[in-house]
Amino acid sequence: MVVCGECGSSLQAESAIYAAHRLWHEGHFRCRGCTQIIHEDEQYALVVDENGCPHETNRDEPHSLCRKCFEHRSSVKCHGCNRGIISTRYVEAGGRMWHSYCFVCAFCQREVADSYVHDEDGRPLHRVCFLDRAMKAAIVDEGARLPI
């Protein structure tokens, strides 16, 4: 007999959801952080330690987190938005981690794909934007010469 991972009651295959290596009644697969239902089409994280064991007192019980709770608890935070990075698509630059969609020029807000510089806060800038910004901020004496 196949039983629900939450309530232990028997399941019928057509009404079951397979997640976190178990079957569940629809509506019984919940986030351990906020207790909200994790629907079949939503992303979730099955949190395990370095040995593949769930982080629970009972090692047989899966520890699932919804995307929001996992991002909140994630130790790797995006330097752009300060949310956890759970995607495999990220940028590592200047010793910091960024969601790929957060790695944008601090001046023009467009994606930074190639070479860049960063401002005093570590935010990326296109080289052209940096030069434009620097020129606008510079105070130049009439007789001064600027390096090219």
Protein backbone atom coordinates (compact mmCIF):
# COMPACT_ATOMS: atom_id res chain seq x y z
CA MET A 1 0.00 0.00 0.00
CA VAL A 2 1.30 3.47 -0.96
CA VAL A 3 0.86 6.14 1.73
CA CYS A 4 1.09 9.94 1.84
CA GLY A 5 4.40 11.36 3.08
CA GLU A 6 2.50 13.76 5.37
CA CYS A 7 -0.55 12.03 6.84
CA GLY A 8 0.27 8.36 6.29
CA SER A 9 -3.11 7.59 4.67
CA SER A 10 -3.31 5.49 1.54
CA LEU A 11 -3.00 7.18 -1.84
CA GLN A 12 -4.56 6.61 -5.19
CA ALA A 13 -2.03 7.16 -7.97
CA GLU A 14 -4.19 9.59 -9.94
CA SER A 15 -4.47 12.02 -6.99
CA ALA A 16 -0.88 11.75 -5.77
CA ILE A 17 1.99 14.19 -6.19
CA TYR A 18 5.55 12.87 -6.37
CA ALA A 19 8.03 15.24 -4.70
CA ALA A 20 11.06 14.97 -2.43
CA HIS A 21 11.33 11.24 -3.21
CA ARG A 22 7.85 10.51 -1.84
CA LEU A 23 4.18 10.54 -2.78
CA TRP A 24 1.80 13.03 -1.20
CA HIS A 25 -1.89 13.85 -1.22
CA GLU A 26 -2.46 17.01 -3.20
CA GLY A 27 -2.18 19.82 -0.65
CA HIS A 28 -0.08 17.82 1.84
CA PHE A 29 3.38 18.66 0.48
CA ARG A 30 4.36 21.71 2.54
CA CYS A 31 7.29 23.99 3.14
CA ARG A 32 8.99 23.30 6.48
CA GLY A 33 9.78 27.00 6.82
CA CYS A 34 6.41 28.71 6.33
CA THR A 35 4.07 25.63 6.17
CA GLN A 36 2.55 26.85 2.89
CA ILE A 37 1.51 24.20 0.38
CA ILE A 38 4.08 23.60 -2.34
CA HIS A 39 2.17 22.90 -5.53
CA GLU A 40 3.30 20.36 -8.08
CA ASP A 41 4.45 22.99 -10.59
CA GLU A 42 6.39 25.12 -8.05
CA GLN A 43 10.11 24.98 -7.39
CA TYR A 44 11.25 23.75 -4.01
CA ALA A 45 14.49 22.73 -2.36
CA LEU A 46 15.12 19.39 -0.69
CA VAL A 47 17.67 20.45 1.91
CA VAL A 48 20.32 17.83 2.65
CA ASP A 49 23.73 17.80 4.32
CA GLU A 50 27.05 16.86 2.70
CA ASN A 51 26.19 13.15 3.09
CA GLY A 52 22.84 13.52 1.34
CA CYS A 53 20.86 13.30 4.58
CA PRO A 54 17.94 15.65 5.22
CA HIS A 55 18.50 18.29 7.92
CA GLU A 56 15.91 16.91 10.31
CA THR A 57 15.96 15.13 13.65
CA ASN A 58 14.29 12.18 11.98
CA ARG A 59 16.67 11.36 9.12
CA ASP A 60 13.89 9.63 7.14
CA GLU A 61 11.78 12.80 6.95
CA PRO A 62 12.46 15.06 3.96
CA HIS A 63 13.11 18.72 4.67
CA SER A 64 11.53 20.68 1.86
CA LEU A 65 11.51 24.46 1.54
CA CYS A 66 9.57 26.63 -0.87
CA ARG A 67 11.65 28.89 -3.10
CA LYS A 68 11.00 31.98 -0.93
CA CYS A 69 12.06 30.28 2.33
CA PHE A 70 15.11 28.69 0.74
CA GLU A 71 16.24 32.02 -0.71
CA HIS A 72 15.75 33.61 2.71
CA ARG A 73 17.80 30.92 4.46
CA SER A 74 20.44 30.48 1.78
CA SER A 75 23.92 31.36 2.97
CA VAL A 76 24.94 32.55 -0.51
CA LYS A 77 23.30 35.94 -1.03
CA CYS A 78 23.14 37.98 -4.21
CA HIS A 79 25.09 41.23 -3.88
CA GLY A 80 22.47 42.95 -6.03
CA CYS A 81 19.22 42.04 -4.25
CA ASN A 82 20.44 40.29 -1.06
CA ARG A 83 18.22 37.25 -1.73
CA GLY A 84 19.61 33.74 -1.65
CA ILE A 85 21.02 32.27 -4.84
CA ILE A 86 19.42 28.93 -5.60
CA SER A 87 19.70 28.98 -9.37
CA THR A 88 22.61 27.45 -11.24
CA ARG A 89 22.70 30.64 -13.33
CA TYR A 90 24.72 33.19 -11.42
CA VAL A 91 27.70 35.51 -11.88
CA GLU A 92 30.73 35.56 -9.64
CA ALA A 93 32.59 38.87 -9.93
CA GLY A 94 34.79 40.88 -7.62
CA GLY A 95 34.56 38.19 -4.96
CA ARG A 96 30.78 38.53 -4.86
CA MET A 97 27.89 36.44 -6.15
CA TRP A 98 25.02 37.83 -8.23
CA HIS A 99 21.87 36.45 -9.82
CA SER A 100 22.50 36.73 -13.55
CA TYR A 101 19.53 39.10 -13.83
CA CYS A 102 20.88 41.32 -11.01
CA PHE A 103 24.31 41.76 -12.58
CA VAL A 104 23.45 44.99 -14.38
CA CYS A 105 25.23 48.29 -14.88
CA ALA A 106 24.62 50.58 -11.90
CA PHE A 107 24.41 53.54 -14.27
CA CYS A 108 22.21 52.40 -17.19
CA GLN A 109 20.60 49.27 -15.61
CA ARG A 110 21.36 47.12 -18.68
CA GLU A 111 22.95 43.67 -18.53
CA VAL A 112 26.71 43.53 -18.10
CA ALA A 113 27.95 40.71 -20.30
CA ASP A 114 31.59 41.47 -21.04
CA SER A 115 34.32 43.53 -19.46
CA TYR A 116 33.28 46.00 -16.81
CA VAL A 117 34.57 48.14 -13.98
CA HIS A 118 32.98 48.50 -10.58
CA ASP A 119 32.13 51.50 -8.46
CA GLU A 120 33.14 52.11 -4.85
CA ASP A 121 30.24 49.93 -3.65
CA GLY A 122 31.25 47.00 -5.86
CA ARG A 123 28.41 47.49 -8.34
CA PRO A 124 29.30 46.74 -11.98
CA LEU A 125 29.47 49.49 -14.60
CA HIS A 126 29.96 49.28 -18.35
CA ARG A 127 33.29 50.93 -19.18
CA VAL A 128 31.49 53.49 -21.38
CA CYS A 129 29.06 54.31 -18.55
CA PHE A 130 31.94 54.65 -16.11
CA LEU A 131 33.77 57.08 -18.39
CA ASP A 132 30.57 59.03 -19.04
CA ARG A 133 29.86 59.24 -15.32
CA ALA A 134 33.44 60.23 -14.52
CA MET A 135 33.46 62.94 -17.17
CA LYS A 136 30.20 64.40 -15.88
CA ALA A 137 31.52 64.43 -12.32
CA ALA A 138 35.00 65.77 -13.14
CA ILE A 139 35.91 69.36 -12.50
CA VAL A 140 38.59 70.32 -14.95
CA ASP A 141 40.70 73.49 -14.92
CA GLU A 142 40.81 75.28 -18.24
CA GLY A 143 44.52 74.57 -18.70
CA ALA A 144 44.46 70.99 -17.38
CA ARG A 145 45.24 68.07 -19.66
CA LEU A 146 43.39 64.79 -19.29
CA PRO A 147 45.09 61.46 -19.98
CA ILE A 148 43.70 59.61 -22.97
